[in-house]
Protein backbone atom coordinates (compact mmCIF):
# COMPACT_ATOMS: atom_id res chain seq x y z
CA MET A 1 -3.52 -30.09 -35.61
CA LEU A 2 -0.95 -27.69 -34.21
CA ARG A 3 2.66 -28.68 -34.67
CA ASN A 4 5.11 -29.08 -31.79
CA LEU A 5 7.67 -26.30 -31.79
CA SER A 6 11.36 -26.79 -31.05
CA ILE A 7 14.72 -25.15 -31.72
CA GLY A 8 15.41 -24.34 -35.37
CA MET A 9 11.78 -23.81 -36.40
CA ARG A 10 10.32 -20.61 -37.86
CA GLY A 11 6.87 -19.19 -38.50
CA PRO A 12 3.99 -17.13 -37.10
CA ASP A 13 3.29 -19.78 -34.47
CA VAL A 14 6.85 -19.35 -33.15
CA LEU A 15 6.26 -15.59 -33.11
CA ALA A 16 3.05 -16.09 -31.10
CA VAL A 17 4.92 -18.27 -28.57
CA GLN A 18 7.62 -15.60 -28.19
CA GLN A 19 4.97 -12.92 -27.59
CA GLY A 20 3.20 -15.14 -25.05
CA LEU A 21 6.46 -15.86 -23.21
CA ASN A 22 7.25 -12.13 -23.08
CA ILE A 23 3.89 -11.43 -21.48
CA ARG A 24 4.45 -14.14 -18.82
CA LYS A 25 8.15 -13.57 -18.15
CA GLN A 26 9.47 -12.88 -14.66
CA PRO A 27 10.58 -9.31 -13.82
CA GLN A 28 14.24 -10.36 -13.79
CA ASP A 29 14.04 -12.11 -17.19
CA ARG A 30 15.08 -10.37 -20.42
CA ALA A 31 12.45 -10.04 -23.14
CA LEU A 32 12.77 -12.21 -26.22
CA VAL A 33 13.26 -10.70 -29.66
CA GLU A 34 9.95 -11.39 -31.42
CA ASP A 35 11.29 -12.50 -34.81
CA GLY A 36 9.48 -15.82 -35.34
CA VAL A 37 12.74 -17.82 -35.09
CA PHE A 38 13.01 -20.56 -32.44
CA GLY A 39 16.63 -19.98 -31.37
CA ALA A 40 18.68 -20.73 -28.27
CA LYS A 41 17.25 -17.82 -26.28
CA THR A 42 13.69 -18.85 -27.09
CA GLN A 43 14.52 -22.43 -26.04
CA ALA A 44 15.97 -21.15 -22.74
CA ALA A 45 12.80 -19.14 -22.11
CA VAL A 46 10.64 -22.21 -22.84
CA LEU A 47 12.71 -24.33 -20.42
CA ALA A 48 12.38 -21.71 -17.67
CA PHE A 49 8.63 -21.44 -18.28
CA GLN A 50 8.21 -25.22 -18.10
CA ARG A 51 10.12 -25.39 -14.80
CA ARG A 52 7.97 -22.64 -13.25
CA ASN A 53 4.73 -24.35 -14.31
CA ASN A 54 5.66 -27.95 -13.36
CA LEU A 55 5.68 -29.13 -17.00
CA THR A 56 7.98 -31.59 -18.72
CA VAL A 57 11.24 -29.67 -19.11
CA ASP A 58 12.23 -30.58 -22.67
CA GLY A 59 12.29 -27.20 -24.45
CA VAL A 60 9.52 -28.29 -26.82
CA VAL A 61 6.25 -26.34 -27.08
CA GLY A 62 3.74 -29.17 -27.22
CA PRO A 63 0.03 -29.25 -26.32
CA ARG A 64 0.54 -28.92 -22.54
CA THR A 65 3.11 -26.11 -22.78
CA ARG A 66 1.04 -24.29 -25.42
CA ALA A 67 -2.08 -24.54 -23.22
CA ALA A 68 -0.13 -23.02 -20.31
CA ILE A 69 1.11 -20.13 -22.48
CA PHE A 70 -2.31 -19.56 -24.11
CA PRO A 71 -4.98 -20.61 -21.60
CA LEU A 72 -8.47 -20.75 -23.07
CA ALA A 73 -11.54 -19.90 -21.03
CA VAL A 74 -15.29 -20.31 -21.47
CA VAL A 75 -17.49 -18.22 -19.21
CA THR A 76 -21.27 -18.36 -18.81
CA VAL A 77 -22.84 -15.37 -17.06
CA ARG A 78 -26.38 -15.05 -15.78
CA ALA A 79 -27.33 -11.86 -13.94
CA PHE A 80 -30.41 -10.60 -12.17
CA GLY A 81 -31.16 -7.00 -11.27
CA MET A 82 -32.94 -5.74 -8.17
CA ARG A 83 -34.25 -2.21 -7.71
CA LEU A 84 -35.13 -0.89 -4.28
CA ARG A 85 -36.90 2.28 -3.23
CA GLN A 86 -34.45 4.13 -1.05
CA PRO A 87 -35.90 4.88 2.40
CA SER A 88 -35.42 8.32 3.93
CA LEU A 89 -33.23 7.17 6.84
CA LEU A 90 -33.66 8.98 10.14
CA SER A 91 -35.77 11.64 8.44
CA PHE A 92 -38.09 13.74 10.53
CA GLY A 93 -40.95 13.21 8.11
CA GLN A 94 -42.82 10.06 7.11
CA SER A 95 -40.57 7.19 6.03
CA GLN A 96 -41.10 5.41 2.71
CA PRO A 97 -41.58 1.62 2.69
CA THR A 98 -38.95 -0.49 0.97
CA THR A 99 -40.53 -2.72 -1.69
CA PRO A 100 -38.04 -4.80 -3.69
CA THR A 101 -38.95 -5.81 -7.22
CA PHE A 102 -36.93 -8.30 -9.26
CA ASN A 103 -36.32 -7.70 -12.95
CA PRO A 104 -34.22 -10.25 -14.88
CA PHE A 105 -32.30 -8.72 -17.75
CA ILE A 106 -30.11 -10.04 -20.53
CA LEU A 107 -26.52 -8.94 -20.86
CA PRO A 108 -25.33 -7.79 -24.30
CA PRO A 109 -23.17 -10.29 -26.15
CA LEU A 110 -19.49 -10.01 -25.20
CA SER A 111 -16.96 -10.16 -28.01
CA PRO A 112 -13.60 -11.93 -27.51
CA THR A 113 -11.75 -8.60 -27.26
CA ILE A 114 -14.05 -7.44 -24.42
CA LEU A 115 -13.32 -10.62 -22.48
CA GLY A 116 -9.60 -10.01 -22.86
CA TYR A 117 -9.08 -12.44 -25.77
CA GLN A 118 -8.48 -11.92 -29.47
CA PRO A 119 -8.67 -14.28 -32.47
CA LEU A 120 -5.28 -15.64 -33.55
CA SER A 121 -4.75 -17.72 -36.70
CA TYR A 122 -2.58 -20.85 -36.55
CA PRO A 123 -1.22 -22.81 -39.52
CA ASN A 124 -3.44 -25.61 -40.86
CA LEU A 125 -6.50 -24.38 -38.93
CA THR A 126 -9.56 -23.02 -40.74
CA THR A 127 -10.97 -21.35 -37.60
CA PRO A 128 -8.91 -18.89 -35.51
CA ILE A 129 -8.43 -19.66 -31.81
CA ALA A 130 -9.26 -17.03 -29.20
CA THR A 131 -6.06 -16.39 -27.27
CA PRO A 132 -5.04 -13.79 -24.66
CA LEU A 133 -4.25 -10.36 -26.03
CA LEU A 134 -0.60 -10.28 -27.00
CA ALA A 135 -0.26 -6.57 -26.24
CA PRO A 136 -2.06 -4.47 -23.60
CA PRO A 137 -4.77 -2.19 -25.03
CA PRO A 138 -3.72 1.47 -25.32
CA LEU A 139 -5.12 3.44 -22.39
CA LEU A 140 -4.75 7.10 -21.55
CA PRO A 141 -3.14 7.24 -18.08
CA LEU A 142 -4.88 9.67 -15.74
CA THR A 143 -3.35 10.18 -12.29
CA LEU A 144 -3.69 12.97 -9.75
CA PRO A 145 -0.96 13.68 -7.18
CA ILE A 146 -2.98 13.41 -3.95
CA HIS A 147 -1.28 15.52 -1.26
CA HIS A 148 -3.43 14.33 1.65
CA PHE A 149 -6.95 13.22 2.58
CA GLU A 150 -9.50 15.09 4.67
CA ILE A 151 -12.53 14.03 6.70
CA SER A 152 -14.79 16.89 7.69
CA PRO A 153 -17.95 16.73 9.82
CA GLY A 154 -19.86 19.99 9.81
CA GLY A 155 -23.16 21.74 9.37
CA GLY A 156 -24.88 24.73 7.87
CA ILE A 157 -27.73 27.17 8.43
CA SER A 158 -29.84 27.69 5.30
CA LEU A 159 -32.31 30.44 4.40
CA GLY A 160 -35.64 29.71 2.76
CA ARG A 161 -39.19 30.23 3.85
CA LYS A 162 -37.85 29.41 7.31
CA PRO A 163 -34.23 29.08 8.47
CA ASP A 164 -33.13 25.48 8.96
CA LEU A 165 -30.12 23.57 10.24
CA SER A 166 -28.55 20.46 8.66
CA PHE A 167 -25.36 18.44 9.10
CA ASN A 168 -22.95 16.86 6.63
CA LEU A 169 -19.85 14.66 6.43
CA THR A 170 -17.28 14.74 3.63
CA LEU A 171 -14.34 12.49 2.80
CA SER A 172 -12.05 13.86 0.10
CA GLY A 173 -8.63 13.70 -1.50
CA ILE A 174 -6.74 16.99 -1.88
CA VAL A 175 -4.55 17.97 -4.81
CA MET A 176 -2.25 20.86 -3.89
CA ILE A 177 -1.56 23.50 -6.56
CA GLY A 178 1.27 25.62 -5.18
CA ASP A 179 3.13 25.84 -1.87
CA GLU A 180 1.01 24.71 1.10
CA GLU A 181 2.64 27.29 3.39
CA GLY A 182 1.78 30.22 1.10
CA ASN A 183 -1.12 31.36 -1.05
CA HIS A 184 -2.21 28.44 -3.28
CA GLN A 185 -5.14 26.55 -4.82
CA GLU A 186 -6.57 23.18 -3.83
CA PHE A 187 -8.64 20.75 -5.89
CA SER A 188 -10.65 18.26 -3.82
CA SER A 189 -12.92 15.41 -4.79
CA GLY A 190 -14.76 12.79 -2.79
CA ILE A 191 -18.04 11.77 -1.16
CA ILE A 192 -20.44 14.01 0.73
CA THR A 193 -23.53 13.00 2.71
CA SER A 194 -26.02 15.46 4.19
CA SER A 195 -28.80 15.05 6.75
CA PRO A 196 -32.40 16.27 6.45
CA GLY A 197 -33.24 19.65 7.92
CA VAL A 198 -33.62 19.59 11.70
CA PHE A 199 -36.82 21.66 11.62
CA GLN A 200 -38.25 21.20 8.11
CA GLY A 201 -37.31 17.53 7.55
CA GLY A 202 -36.56 16.18 4.09
CA ASP A 203 -34.31 13.43 2.75
CA TRP A 204 -30.75 12.29 3.30
CA SER A 205 -28.50 12.91 0.31
CA VAL A 206 -25.34 11.13 -0.81
CA GLY A 207 -23.24 12.31 -3.72
CA TRP A 208 -19.90 12.80 -5.39
CA PHE A 209 -18.41 16.28 -5.28
CA ALA A 210 -15.57 18.25 -6.82
CA GLN A 211 -14.38 21.54 -5.35
CA LEU A 212 -11.85 24.22 -6.25
CA THR A 213 -10.58 26.37 -3.38
CA HIS A 214 -8.30 29.40 -3.32
CA VAL A 215 -6.31 29.63 -0.06
CA GLU A 216 -5.15 33.12 0.92
CA GLN A 217 -3.02 33.23 4.07
CA LEU A 218 -4.12 35.92 6.54
CA GLY A 219 -1.71 37.46 9.03
CA ARG A 220 1.91 36.64 9.62
CA SER A 221 1.19 33.68 11.89
CA GLY A 222 -0.14 31.61 9.00
CA ASN A 223 -2.79 29.97 11.22
CA PHE A 224 -5.69 31.82 9.57
CA SER A 225 -6.62 31.63 5.90
CA TRP A 226 -9.40 32.92 3.68
CA GLN A 227 -10.70 30.11 1.48
CA PRO A 228 -13.35 31.06 -1.11
CA ASN A 229 -14.48 28.00 -3.07
CA ALA A 230 -16.84 26.66 -5.72
CA GLN A 231 -18.31 23.16 -5.42
CA VAL A 232 -20.23 20.85 -7.76
CA VAL A 233 -22.22 17.91 -6.30
CA PHE A 234 -23.92 15.09 -8.20
CA GLY A 235 -26.02 12.87 -5.93
CA ASN A 236 -29.39 11.42 -4.89
CA THR A 237 -32.04 12.46 -2.34
CA PRO A 238 -33.21 9.69 -3.40
CA ARG A 239 -33.98 11.47 -6.70
CA PRO A 240 -30.86 12.46 -8.69
CA PHE A 241 -29.75 16.07 -8.54
CA LEU A 242 -26.92 18.35 -9.59
CA SER A 243 -25.98 21.35 -7.47
CA VAL A 244 -23.43 24.16 -7.82
CA THR A 245 -22.42 26.18 -4.73
CA ALA A 246 -20.29 29.34 -4.45
CA SER A 247 -18.94 30.21 -0.98
CA PRO A 248 -16.89 33.42 -1.06
CA ALA A 249 -16.44 34.02 2.68
CA ASN A 250 -14.93 30.86 4.24
CA VAL A 251 -12.26 31.25 6.93
CA GLN A 252 -10.14 28.40 8.35
CA TRP A 253 -8.04 28.29 11.50
CA ASP A 254 -5.32 25.61 11.71
CA LEU A 255 -4.99 24.22 15.23
CA ASN A 256 -2.06 22.07 14.08
CA LYS A 257 -0.91 20.15 10.98
CA SER A 258 -3.77 17.65 11.32
CA LEU A 259 -6.75 19.56 12.68
CA SER A 260 -8.51 22.78 11.60
CA LEU A 261 -11.72 24.67 12.32
CA SER A 262 -13.71 26.25 9.48
CA LEU A 263 -16.38 28.95 9.46
CA GLY A 264 -18.21 30.15 6.38
CA GLY A 265 -20.43 33.11 5.69
CA PRO A 266 -23.20 33.57 3.11
CA SER A 267 -23.29 31.19 0.13
CA VAL A 268 -25.55 30.55 -2.85
CA THR A 269 -26.57 27.14 -4.29
CA ALA A 270 -28.26 26.37 -7.61
CA THR A 271 -29.89 22.92 -7.69
CA PHE A 272 -31.08 21.07 -10.80
CA ALA A 273 -33.39 18.04 -10.40
CA PRO A 274 -35.97 16.21 -12.57
CA GLU A 275 -38.80 18.25 -11.01
CA GLY A 276 -37.12 21.58 -11.76
CA ALA A 277 -34.40 24.02 -10.75
CA SER A 278 -34.14 26.07 -7.57
CA LEU A 279 -31.90 28.67 -5.96
CA GLY A 280 -31.02 28.52 -2.26
CA TRP A 281 -29.07 30.67 0.16
CA GLY A 282 -26.87 29.67 3.05
CA LEU A 283 -26.47 31.94 6.06
CA ALA A 284 -23.43 30.26 7.65
CA SER A 285 -21.50 27.00 7.76
CA PHE A 286 -19.14 25.47 10.32
CA GLY A 287 -17.06 22.33 10.65
CA VAL A 288 -13.95 20.48 11.77
CA VAL A 289 -11.34 19.38 9.22
CA GLY A 290 -9.11 16.37 9.97
CA LYS A 291 -6.12 15.82 7.65
CA PHE A 292 -4.32 12.50 7.19
CA ASN A 293 -1.98 10.87 4.67
């Protein structure tokens, strides 16, 4: 049986209450000193917590107040998986039928720390109680300063056994490395989708891409720029693939701050898929680039 806590008491259970109150304090409240001593400041924090949660305002941490500070949860999860064959949408070849198959699977057991709880020992209890984590897990923060976003419909003429034409649409976030008005580099990442070939057919592809572009301003007007780039795409067609493209001869013309036209020359693409690797050549590419914040 857990003891009721009030002013003047000491112990690890008082420390746990102080840590729990610090986690649930309001932004304007000052944090308690976590020393395991139930003093006047701890009592004031308990009273404020009880008022906010419609509890009996007596400054005593009893069963109801303790349950509000340390809520316990029991979760039962049952999941079913479904795998579909991806149809080749709007392809110029023969479409594939969609045949769903259901495969139940069992989730791995989830430990208390995975669910956001950790065991905490209380006096006079032989079994620890799973309580909310008293400190956030250490995470490595990773943020990128996105300068703006771009949406770009376009197309390309590819060389193979026969020339072909396809279209694509990209949505990306742009990280600016250097002054936008001068020569600089841009890192972009986002989603790209490409259509089948107009003449040879094929599959639609959807994938994630990352691209590094060098922007070299041409002329004094600043409206034209040379933008060689390298791009990596990981996607599905519907089979998974990885492709790397180098485009050394792209030129972009800025109509205004929000709209640009792009034209690219020859490019080379190496593609790696389960059935093997291949090397392709692009004759030209073209597109419209819309910028927004």
